[in-house]
C-alpha atoms as a PDB file:
ATOM      1  CA  MET A   1       8.471 -27.040   2.898  1.00  0.00           C
ATOM      2  CA  ALA A   2       6.148 -28.974   0.564  1.00  0.00           C
ATOM      3  CA  ASN A   3       2.469 -28.625   1.353  1.00  0.00           C
ATOM      4  CA  ARG A   4       2.871 -27.018   4.762  1.00  0.00           C
ATOM      5  CA  LEU A   5       0.203 -24.607   3.459  1.00  0.00           C
ATOM      6  CA  ALA A   6      -2.015 -27.078   1.944  1.00  0.00           C
ATOM      7  CA  GLY A   7      -5.624 -26.151   1.925  1.00  0.00           C
ATOM      8  CA  ARG A   8      -4.787 -22.593   3.020  1.00  0.00           C
ATOM      9  CA  THR A   9      -5.603 -19.373   1.039  1.00  0.00           C
ATOM     10  CA  ILE A  10      -3.322 -16.544   1.704  1.00  0.00           C
ATOM     11  CA  ALA A  11      -4.045 -12.795   0.585  1.00  0.00           C
ATOM     12  CA  LEU A  12      -0.807 -11.106  -0.557  1.00  0.00           C
ATOM     13  CA  THR A  13      -1.052  -7.448   0.145  1.00  0.00           C
ATOM     14  CA  GLY A  14       2.453  -6.352  -1.081  1.00  0.00           C
ATOM     15  CA  PRO A  15       2.691  -5.151  -4.776  1.00  0.00           C
ATOM     16  CA  ARG A  16       6.468  -5.663  -4.871  1.00  0.00           C
ATOM     17  CA  LYS A  17       7.699  -9.116  -5.813  1.00  0.00           C
ATOM     18  CA  ALA A  18       4.096 -10.472  -5.750  1.00  0.00           C
ATOM     19  CA  GLU A  19       4.834 -13.134  -8.176  1.00  0.00           C
ATOM     20  CA  ASP A  20       7.770 -14.370  -6.174  1.00  0.00           C
ATOM     21  CA  MET A  21       5.424 -14.545  -3.215  1.00  0.00           C
ATOM     22  CA  VAL A  22       2.983 -16.518  -5.066  1.00  0.00           C
ATOM     23  CA  LYS A  23       5.512 -19.094  -6.080  1.00  0.00           C
ATOM     24  CA  ILE A  24       6.426 -19.470  -2.386  1.00  0.00           C
ATOM     25  CA  VAL A  25       2.993 -20.053  -1.297  1.00  0.00           C
ATOM     26  CA  GLU A  26       2.238 -22.487  -4.227  1.00  0.00           C
ATOM     27  CA  LYS A  27       5.501 -24.418  -3.436  1.00  0.00           C
ATOM     28  CA  MET A  28       4.178 -24.862   0.142  1.00  0.00           C
ATOM     29  CA  GLY A  29       0.790 -26.226  -1.270  1.00  0.00           C
ATOM     30  CA  GLY A  30      -1.182 -23.161  -0.515  1.00  0.00           C
ATOM     31  CA  THR A  31      -3.299 -20.923  -2.803  1.00  0.00           C
ATOM     32  CA  ALA A  32      -2.126 -17.250  -3.079  1.00  0.00           C
ATOM     33  CA  LEU A  33      -4.466 -14.237  -3.974  1.00  0.00           C
ATOM     34  CA  ILE A  34      -2.685 -11.027  -5.024  1.00  0.00           C
ATOM     35  CA  ARG A  35      -4.719  -8.193  -3.127  1.00  0.00           C
ATOM     36  CA  PRO A  36      -2.522  -5.066  -3.274  1.00  0.00           C
ATOM     37  CA  ALA A  37      -3.079  -2.758  -0.447  1.00  0.00           C
ATOM     38  CA  GLN A  38      -0.382  -0.372  -1.408  1.00  0.00           C
ATOM     39  CA  GLY A  39      -0.216   1.636  -4.494  1.00  0.00           C
ATOM     40  CA  THR A  40       2.765   2.594  -6.667  1.00  0.00           C
ATOM     41  CA  VAL A  41       5.884   3.704  -4.731  1.00  0.00           C
ATOM     42  CA  PHE A  42       7.957   6.306  -6.748  1.00  0.00           C
ATOM     43  CA  LEU A  43      11.164   8.224  -6.149  1.00  0.00           C
ATOM     44  CA  ASP A  44      10.313  11.954  -5.595  1.00  0.00           C
ATOM     45  CA  ASP A  45      13.579  13.018  -7.491  1.00  0.00           C
ATOM     46  CA  ALA A  46      13.213  16.764  -7.489  1.00  0.00           C
ATOM     47  CA  LYS A  47      12.492  17.088  -3.644  1.00  0.00           C
ATOM     48  CA  VAL A  48      15.358  14.461  -2.817  1.00  0.00           C
ATOM     49  CA  ARG A  49      17.746  16.559  -5.026  1.00  0.00           C
ATOM     50  CA  SER A  50      16.718  19.862  -3.249  1.00  0.00           C
ATOM     51  CA  PHE A  51      17.197  18.042   0.242  1.00  0.00           C
ATOM     52  CA  LEU A  52      20.496  16.602  -0.544  1.00  0.00           C
ATOM     53  CA  GLU A  53      21.875  19.946  -1.533  1.00  0.00           C
ATOM     54  CA  GLY A  54      20.772  21.403   1.866  1.00  0.00           C
ATOM     55  CA  TRP A  55      22.035  18.212   3.668  1.00  0.00           C
ATOM     56  CA  ILE A  56      25.508  18.742   2.053  1.00  0.00           C
ATOM     57  CA  ALA A  57      25.721  22.423   2.406  1.00  0.00           C
ATOM     58  CA  LYS A  58      24.665  22.130   6.116  1.00  0.00           C
ATOM     59  CA  PRO A  59      25.797  18.729   7.455  1.00  0.00           C
ATOM     60  CA  PRO A  60      23.906  17.453  10.579  1.00  0.00           C
ATOM     61  CA  SER A  61      25.728  16.196  13.747  1.00  0.00           C
ATOM     62  CA  TRP A  62      23.477  13.051  13.561  1.00  0.00           C
ATOM     63  CA  THR A  63      21.984  11.044  10.675  1.00  0.00           C
ATOM     64  CA  ILE A  64      19.152   8.444  11.477  1.00  0.00           C
ATOM     65  CA  LEU A  65      18.516   6.023   8.624  1.00  0.00           C
ATOM     66  CA  THR A  66      15.597   3.784   8.791  1.00  0.00           C
ATOM     67  CA  THR A  67      15.789   1.607   5.496  1.00  0.00           C
ATOM     68  CA  GLY A  68      18.536   0.312   3.306  1.00  0.00           C
ATOM     69  CA  MET A  69      16.464   0.936   0.131  1.00  0.00           C
ATOM     70  CA  GLY A  70      16.006   4.630   1.128  1.00  0.00           C
ATOM     71  CA  LEU A  71      19.762   4.926   1.610  1.00  0.00           C
ATOM     72  CA  ASP A  72      20.360   3.366  -1.819  1.00  0.00           C
ATOM     73  CA  ALA A  73      18.126   5.626  -3.536  1.00  0.00           C
ATOM     74  CA  LEU A  74      19.633   8.879  -1.733  1.00  0.00           C
ATOM     75  CA  ILE A  75      23.073   7.666  -2.854  1.00  0.00           C
ATOM     76  CA  GLY A  76      21.754   7.035  -6.553  1.00  0.00           C
ATOM     77  CA  VAL A  77      20.361  10.622  -6.809  1.00  0.00           C
ATOM     78  CA  ALA A  78      23.501  12.042  -5.283  1.00  0.00           C
ATOM     79  CA  SER A  79      25.458  10.123  -8.083  1.00  0.00           C
ATOM     80  CA  ASP A  80      23.033  11.514 -10.736  1.00  0.00           C
ATOM     81  CA  MET A  81      23.906  15.074  -9.285  1.00  0.00           C
ATOM     82  CA  GLY A  82      27.580  14.538  -9.469  1.00  0.00           C
ATOM     83  CA  ALA A  83      27.579  14.777  -5.624  1.00  0.00           C
ATOM     84  CA  GLN A  84      28.050  11.028  -4.481  1.00  0.00           C
ATOM     85  CA  GLU A  85      31.517  11.481  -2.966  1.00  0.00           C
ATOM     86  CA  GLU A  86      30.492  14.805  -1.260  1.00  0.00           C
ATOM     87  CA  PHE A  87      27.330  13.023   0.140  1.00  0.00           C
ATOM     88  CA  LEU A  88      29.300   9.938   1.391  1.00  0.00           C
ATOM     89  CA  GLU A  89      31.851  12.325   3.065  1.00  0.00           C
ATOM     90  CA  THR A  90      28.883  14.130   4.790  1.00  0.00           C
ATOM     91  CA  LEU A  91      27.695  10.750   6.173  1.00  0.00           C
ATOM     92  CA  ARG A  92      31.381   9.936   7.165  1.00  0.00           C
ATOM     93  CA  ASN A  93      31.478  13.050   9.248  1.00  0.00           C
ATOM     94  CA  SER A  94      28.170  12.472  11.012  1.00  0.00           C
ATOM     95  CA  SER A  95      27.181  10.187  13.816  1.00  0.00           C
ATOM     96  CA  ILE A  96      24.849   7.567  12.357  1.00  0.00           C
ATOM     97  CA  ALA A  97      22.082   5.672  13.918  1.00  0.00           C
ATOM     98  CA  ALA A  98      20.407   2.758  11.797  1.00  0.00           C
ATOM     99  CA  ARG A  99      17.407   0.681  11.959  1.00  0.00           C
ATOM    100  CA  GLY A 100      17.103  -2.707  10.383  1.00  0.00           C
ATOM    101  CA  TYR A 101      19.796  -5.081   9.168  1.00  0.00           C
ATOM    102  CA  LYS A 102      19.239  -4.003   5.505  1.00  0.00           C
ATOM    103  CA  THR A 103      20.044  -0.398   6.458  1.00  0.00           C
ATOM    104  CA  VAL A 104      23.421  -1.619   8.215  1.00  0.00           C
ATOM    105  CA  ASN A 105      24.144  -3.724   5.119  1.00  0.00           C
ATOM    106  CA  ALA A 106      23.646  -0.724   2.739  1.00  0.00           C
ATOM    107  CA  LEU A 107      26.037   1.313   5.031  1.00  0.00           C
ATOM    108  CA  ARG A 108      28.504  -1.423   5.091  1.00  0.00           C
ATOM    109  CA  LYS A 109      28.697  -1.456   1.421  1.00  0.00           C
ATOM    110  CA  ARG A 110      29.915   1.968   1.473  1.00  0.00           C
ATOM    111  CA  GLY A 111      32.554   1.275   4.121  1.00  0.00           C
ATOM    112  CA  LEU A 112      30.197   3.023   6.823  1.00  0.00           C
ATOM    113  CA  ALA A 113      28.960   1.691  10.020  1.00  0.00           C
ATOM    114  CA  PRO A 114      26.376   2.992  12.615  1.00  0.00           C
ATOM    115  CA  LEU A 115      27.467   4.282  15.902  1.00  0.00           C
ATOM    116  CA  VAL A 116      23.985   3.229  17.342  1.00  0.00           C
ATOM    117  CA  ARG A 117      21.521   0.510  15.816  1.00  0.00           C
ATOM    118  CA  ASP A 118      18.226  -0.911  17.067  1.00  0.00           C
ATOM    119  CA  ASP A 119      18.103  -3.889  19.253  1.00  0.00           C
ATOM    120  CA  ASP A 120      15.188  -5.733  17.491  1.00  0.00           C
ATOM    121  CA  GLY A 121      14.613  -4.270  13.923  1.00  0.00           C
ATOM    122  CA  SER A 122      11.966  -1.858  15.181  1.00  0.00           C
ATOM    123  CA  THR A 123      11.637   1.972  15.678  1.00  0.00           C
ATOM    124  CA  SER A 124      10.964   1.412  19.424  1.00  0.00           C
ATOM    125  CA  GLY A 125      14.268  -0.744  19.431  1.00  0.00           C
ATOM    126  CA  LEU A 126      16.212   2.155  17.841  1.00  0.00           C
ATOM    127  CA  ILE A 127      14.652   4.670  20.442  1.00  0.00           C
ATOM    128  CA  ARG A 128      15.752   2.240  23.313  1.00  0.00           C
ATOM    129  CA  SER A 129      19.321   2.043  21.909  1.00  0.00           C
ATOM    130  CA  LEU A 130      19.371   5.867  21.327  1.00  0.00           C
ATOM    131  CA  GLU A 131      18.470   6.350  25.021  1.00  0.00           C
ATOM    132  CA  GLU A 132      20.944   3.799  26.286  1.00  0.00           C
ATOM    133  CA  PHE A 133      23.580   5.508  24.153  1.00  0.00           C
ATOM    134  CA  GLY A 134      22.751   8.867  25.859  1.00  0.00           C
ATOM    135  CA  PHE A 135      21.817  10.584  22.521  1.00  0.00           C
ATOM    136  CA  HIS A 136      21.869  14.303  22.332  1.00  0.00           C
ATOM    137  CA  ALA A 137      21.886  16.356  19.243  1.00  0.00           C
ATOM    138  CA  GLU A 138      20.949  19.634  18.075  1.00  0.00           C
ATOM    139  CA  ASP A 139      20.340  18.794  14.530  1.00  0.00           C
ATOM    140  CA  VAL A 140      19.375  15.529  13.024  1.00  0.00           C
ATOM    141  CA  VAL A 141      18.592  14.253   9.424  1.00  0.00           C
ATOM    142  CA  LEU A 142      16.010  11.601   9.608  1.00  0.00           C
ATOM    143  CA  GLN A 143      15.694   9.257   6.517  1.00  0.00           C
ATOM    144  CA  LEU A 144      12.230   7.568   6.301  1.00  0.00           C
ATOM    145  CA  HIS A 145      11.026   5.351   3.362  1.00  0.00           C
ATOM    146  CA  GLY A 146       7.981   7.249   2.342  1.00  0.00           C
ATOM    147  CA  ASP A 147       5.869   6.558   5.574  1.00  0.00           C
ATOM    148  CA  PRO A 148       6.128   8.794   8.732  1.00  0.00           C
ATOM    149  CA  ALA A 149       7.593   7.478  12.087  1.00  0.00           C
ATOM    150  CA  PRO A 150       5.526   9.717  14.631  1.00  0.00           C
ATOM    151  CA  LYS A 151       6.887   7.849  17.627  1.00  0.00           C
ATOM    152  CA  LEU A 152      10.545   8.450  16.576  1.00  0.00           C
ATOM    153  CA  GLU A 153       9.869  11.928  15.533  1.00  0.00           C
ATOM    154  CA  ALA A 154       8.008  12.815  18.803  1.00  0.00           C
ATOM    155  CA  TRP A 155      10.984  11.249  20.799  1.00  0.00           C
ATOM    156  CA  LEU A 156      13.579  13.409  18.966  1.00  0.00           C
ATOM    157  CA  VAL A 157      11.571  16.429  19.494  1.00  0.00           C
ATOM    158  CA  GLU A 158      11.401  15.828  23.143  1.00  0.00           C
ATOM    159  CA  GLN A 159      15.188  15.689  23.126  1.00  0.00           C
ATOM    160  CA  GLY A 160      15.241  19.176  21.942  1.00  0.00           C
ATOM    161  CA  THR A 161      16.498  18.146  18.525  1.00  0.00           C
ATOM    162  CA  GLU A 162      15.751  20.002  15.292  1.00  0.00           C
ATOM    163  CA  VAL A 163      14.692  17.156  12.881  1.00  0.00           C
ATOM    164  CA  ARG A 164      14.969  17.474   9.026  1.00  0.00           C
ATOM    165  CA  LYS A 165      13.085  14.621   7.495  1.00  0.00           C
ATOM    166  CA  VAL A 166      13.621  13.128   3.872  1.00  0.00           C
ATOM    167  CA  LEU A 167      11.300  10.588   2.391  1.00  0.00           C
ATOM    168  CA  PRO A 168      13.069   9.504  -0.797  1.00  0.00           C
ATOM    169  CA  TYR A 169       9.935   7.583  -1.788  1.00  0.00           C
ATOM    170  CA  GLN A 170       6.354   8.542  -1.915  1.00  0.00           C
ATOM    171  CA  HIS A 171       3.363   6.131  -1.708  1.00  0.00           C
ATOM    172  CA  ILE A 172       0.232   6.405  -3.971  1.00  0.00           C
ATOM    173  CA  PRO A 173      -2.775   4.887  -2.314  1.00  0.00           C
ATOM    174  CA  PRO A 174      -4.172   1.707  -3.962  1.00  0.00           C
ATOM    175  CA  GLU A 175      -7.620   1.674  -5.793  1.00  0.00           C
ATOM    176  CA  SER A 176     -10.423   1.550  -3.425  1.00  0.00           C
ATOM    177  CA  GLU A 177     -11.889  -1.378  -5.344  1.00  0.00           C
ATOM    178  CA  GLN A 178      -8.791  -3.492  -4.462  1.00  0.00           C
ATOM    179  CA  LEU A 179      -9.136  -2.595  -0.757  1.00  0.00           C
ATOM    180  CA  GLU A 180     -12.798  -3.409  -0.784  1.00  0.00           C
ATOM    181  CA  GLN A 181     -12.158  -6.764  -2.250  1.00  0.00           C
ATOM    182  CA  LEU A 182      -9.464  -7.641   0.373  1.00  0.00           C
ATOM    183  CA  LEU A 183     -11.597  -6.331   3.139  1.00  0.00           C
ATOM    184  CA  ASP A 184     -14.654  -8.381   2.190  1.00  0.00           C
ATOM    185  CA  GLU A 185     -12.474 -11.606   1.741  1.00  0.00           C
ATOM    186  CA  ILE A 186     -11.039 -11.090   5.201  1.00  0.00           C
ATOM    187  CA  LEU A 187     -14.553 -10.375   6.923  1.00  0.00           C
ATOM    188  CA  GLN A 188     -16.183 -13.291   5.057  1.00  0.00           C
ATOM    189  CA  HIS A 189     -13.359 -15.553   6.122  1.00  0.00           C
ATOM    190  CA  GLN A 190     -12.589 -16.561   2.364  1.00  0.00           C
ATOM    191  CA  VAL A 191      -8.846 -16.388   3.222  1.00  0.00           C
ATOM    192  CA  ASP A 192      -6.897 -18.017   6.047  1.00  0.00           C
ATOM    193  CA  ALA A 193      -4.181 -15.221   6.398  1.00  0.00           C
ATOM    194  CA  ALA A 194      -3.447 -11.770   4.977  1.00  0.00           C
ATOM    195  CA  ALA A 195       0.278 -11.293   4.531  1.00  0.00           C
ATOM    196  CA  PHE A 196       1.613  -7.751   4.942  1.00  0.00           C
ATOM    197  CA  THR A 197       5.007  -6.731   3.824  1.00  0.00           C
ATOM    198  CA  SER A 198       5.044  -2.984   4.864  1.00  0.00           C
ATOM    199  CA  ALA A 199       3.265  -0.672   7.351  1.00  0.00           C
ATOM    200  CA  PRO A 200       1.486   1.400   4.672  1.00  0.00           C
ATOM    201  CA  GLN A 201      -0.352  -1.730   3.569  1.00  0.00           C
ATOM    202  CA  VAL A 202      -1.592  -2.284   7.061  1.00  0.00           C
ATOM    203  CA  ARG A 203      -2.571   1.564   7.433  1.00  0.00           C
ATOM    204  CA  ASN A 204      -4.488   1.601   4.075  1.00  0.00           C
ATOM    205  CA  LEU A 205      -6.484  -1.374   4.817  1.00  0.00           C
ATOM    206  CA  VAL A 206      -7.244  -0.155   8.379  1.00  0.00           C
ATOM    207  CA  GLU A 207      -8.187   3.454   7.153  1.00  0.00           C
ATOM    208  CA  TYR A 208     -10.516   1.954   4.598  1.00  0.00           C
ATOM    209  CA  ALA A 209     -12.205  -0.319   7.112  1.00  0.00           C
ATOM    210  CA  ARG A 210     -12.517   2.668   9.447  1.00  0.00           C
ATOM    211  CA  SER A 211     -14.020   4.930   6.858  1.00  0.00           C
ATOM    212  CA  HIS A 212     -16.644   2.270   6.070  1.00  0.00           C
ATOM    213  CA  GLY A 213     -17.605   1.585   9.641  1.00  0.00           C
ATOM    214  CA  LYS A 214     -16.094  -1.950   9.543  1.00  0.00           C
ATOM    215  CA  LEU A 215     -12.846  -1.597  11.527  1.00  0.00           C
ATOM    216  CA  GLU A 216     -14.294  -3.501  14.491  1.00  0.00           C
ATOM    217  CA  LYS A 217     -15.345  -6.259  12.205  1.00  0.00           C
ATOM    218  CA  LEU A 218     -11.742  -6.349  10.675  1.00  0.00           C
ATOM    219  CA  VAL A 219     -10.032  -6.522  14.065  1.00  0.00           C
ATOM    220  CA  TYR A 220     -12.420  -9.382  15.319  1.00  0.00           C
ATOM    221  CA  ALA A 221     -11.755 -11.435  12.103  1.00  0.00           C
ATOM    222  CA  PHE A 222      -8.005 -11.178  12.623  1.00  0.00           C
ATOM    223  CA  GLU A 223      -8.682 -12.287  16.231  1.00  0.00           C
ATOM    224  CA  GLY A 224     -10.466 -15.522  14.932  1.00  0.00           C
ATOM    225  CA  PRO A 225     -10.282 -17.525  11.755  1.00  0.00           C
ATOM    226  CA  VAL A 226      -8.088 -14.971   9.726  1.00  0.00           C
ATOM    227  CA  VAL A 227      -4.458 -14.737  10.664  1.00  0.00           C
ATOM    228  CA  ALA A 228      -2.475 -11.450  10.176  1.00  0.00           C
ATOM    229  CA  ALA A 229       1.109 -12.111   8.899  1.00  0.00           C
ATOM    230  CA  ALA A 230       3.925  -9.564   8.962  1.00  0.00           C
ATOM    231  CA  VAL A 231       7.338  -9.704   6.985  1.00  0.00           C
ATOM    232  CA  GLY A 232       9.023  -8.199  10.104  1.00  0.00           C
ATOM    233  CA  LYS A 233       8.871  -6.158  13.237  1.00  0.00           C
ATOM    234  CA  MET A 234       7.971  -2.773  11.833  1.00  0.00           C
ATOM    235  CA  THR A 235       5.116  -4.282   9.834  1.00  0.00           C
ATOM    236  CA  ALA A 236       4.075  -6.202  13.053  1.00  0.00           C
ATOM    237  CA  GLN A 237       4.161  -3.079  15.111  1.00  0.00           C
ATOM    238  CA  ALA A 238       1.889  -1.295  12.639  1.00  0.00           C
ATOM    239  CA  LEU A 239      -0.796  -4.192  13.159  1.00  0.00           C
ATOM    240  CA  LEU A 240      -0.343  -4.151  16.911  1.00  0.00           C
ATOM    241  CA  GLU A 241      -0.878  -0.337  17.068  1.00  0.00           C
ATOM    242  CA  GLU A 242      -4.220  -0.812  15.298  1.00  0.00           C
ATOM    243  CA  GLY A 243      -5.384  -3.273  17.815  1.00  0.00           C
ATOM    244  CA  ILE A 244      -4.660  -6.388  15.978  1.00  0.00           C
ATOM    245  CA  THR A 245      -3.111  -8.420  18.755  1.00  0.00           C
ATOM    246  CA  ARG A 246      -2.197 -11.711  17.088  1.00  0.00           C
ATOM    247  CA  VAL A 247       0.467 -11.408  14.564  1.00  0.00           C
ATOM    248  CA  VAL A 248       2.580 -13.806  13.089  1.00  0.00           C
ATOM    249  CA  TYR A 249       6.069 -12.768  11.810  1.00  0.00           C
ATOM    250  CA  PRO A 250       9.554 -14.204  11.609  1.00  0.00           C
ATOM    251  CA  PRO A 251      11.640 -13.181  14.755  1.00  0.00           C
ATOM    252  CA  GLU A 252      14.919 -12.224  12.870  1.00  0.00           C
ATOM    253  CA  ASP A 253      15.016 -12.943   9.200  1.00  0.00           C
ATOM    254  CA  GLU A 254      12.788 -10.459   7.507  1.00  0.00           C
ATOM    255  CA  ARG A 255      12.060 -12.035   4.241  1.00  0.00           C
ATOM    256  CA  MET A 256       8.870 -13.232   2.505  1.00  0.00           C
ATOM    257  CA  GLY A 257       9.868 -16.954   2.599  1.00  0.00           C
ATOM    258  CA  SER A 258      10.515 -16.701   6.364  1.00  0.00           C
ATOM    259  CA  MET A 259       7.098 -15.060   6.798  1.00  0.00           C
ATOM    260  CA  MET A 260       5.485 -17.916   5.115  1.00  0.00           C
ATOM    261  CA  VAL A 261       7.428 -20.498   6.948  1.00  0.00           C
ATOM    262  CA  GLU A 262       6.459 -18.925  10.175  1.00  0.00           C
ATOM    263  CA  LEU A 263       2.844 -18.840   9.091  1.00  0.00           C
ATOM    264  CA  ALA A 264       2.994 -22.541   8.169  1.00  0.00           C
ATOM    265  CA  ARG A 265       4.493 -23.243  11.550  1.00  0.00           C
ATOM    266  CA  TYR A 266       1.579 -21.382  13.338  1.00  0.00           C
ATOM    267  CA  PHE A 267      -0.867 -23.211  11.359  1.00  0.00           C
ATOM    268  CA  GLN A 268       0.613 -26.544  12.260  1.00  0.00           C
ATOM    269  CA  THR A 269       0.713 -25.746  15.926  1.00  0.00           C
ATOM    270  CA  GLU A 270      -2.845 -24.673  15.770  1.00  0.00           C
ATOM    271  CA  ALA A 271      -3.876 -27.734  14.217  1.00  0.00           C
ATOM    272  CA  GLU A 272      -1.996 -29.962  16.776  1.00  0.00           C
ATOM    273  CA  ASN A 273      -3.665 -28.007  19.615  1.00  0.00           C
ATOM    274  CA  LEU A 274      -7.266 -28.901  18.242  1.00  0.00           C
ATOM    275  CA  ILE A 275      -6.198 -32.544  18.207  1.00  0.00           C
ATOM    276  CA  ASN A 276      -4.934 -32.502  21.603  1.00  0.00           C
END
């Protein structure tokens, strides 16, 4: 691992565990710049409590869970309400679909297992699995992390399903000065890569670039000297949807360290191709 990122400067756009990511980059010989493209994430406790009361009172036939962190938050709020066992019983009596291994692990910790899960860690993969299963439901509770999933929501509506959404976490946009600095460094090729750990980070940067008439330049920079790296398929999908076609991400292990290893591997392959 040592020096595999030597001479490389990596912009880190995730505010969570930023210092841990800095250590990973530095251990690999690179230089890390903390450039948050996502503001504070906070638990919207009052809304979650109200939603949980309705969820328990009117259980859905299906529950679709998209993040383990979100499920943990819901169970935590239910516990604070004195309704944890009621909530878990509601989940047990519901058909469950899950996206991502962290969500499956969060279920497993509670003795639960999904009836349907994605085939590749993405929302598109979850839709494919639901189609193959022959999904049909009149009523679904859809747990999101704090970021909409328009493709999944639209697909559920097309199936004639009533969708009740719960977003345990809410995202606050980052300061515009932070986005301006990150965008300028990418456009001026002052960084070799920008590492994204969530879809909101991608959208915040893209929307800022678009609002300042610089989206085309941003996409062009990511096609050339600056590499877009993603922690997993959901974040990679957000980049691809914005027209950024070269995205480096770990195929299976969605962890920050794995993202950096994959990025180092990409740079090494690129260097070897130049020599050959």
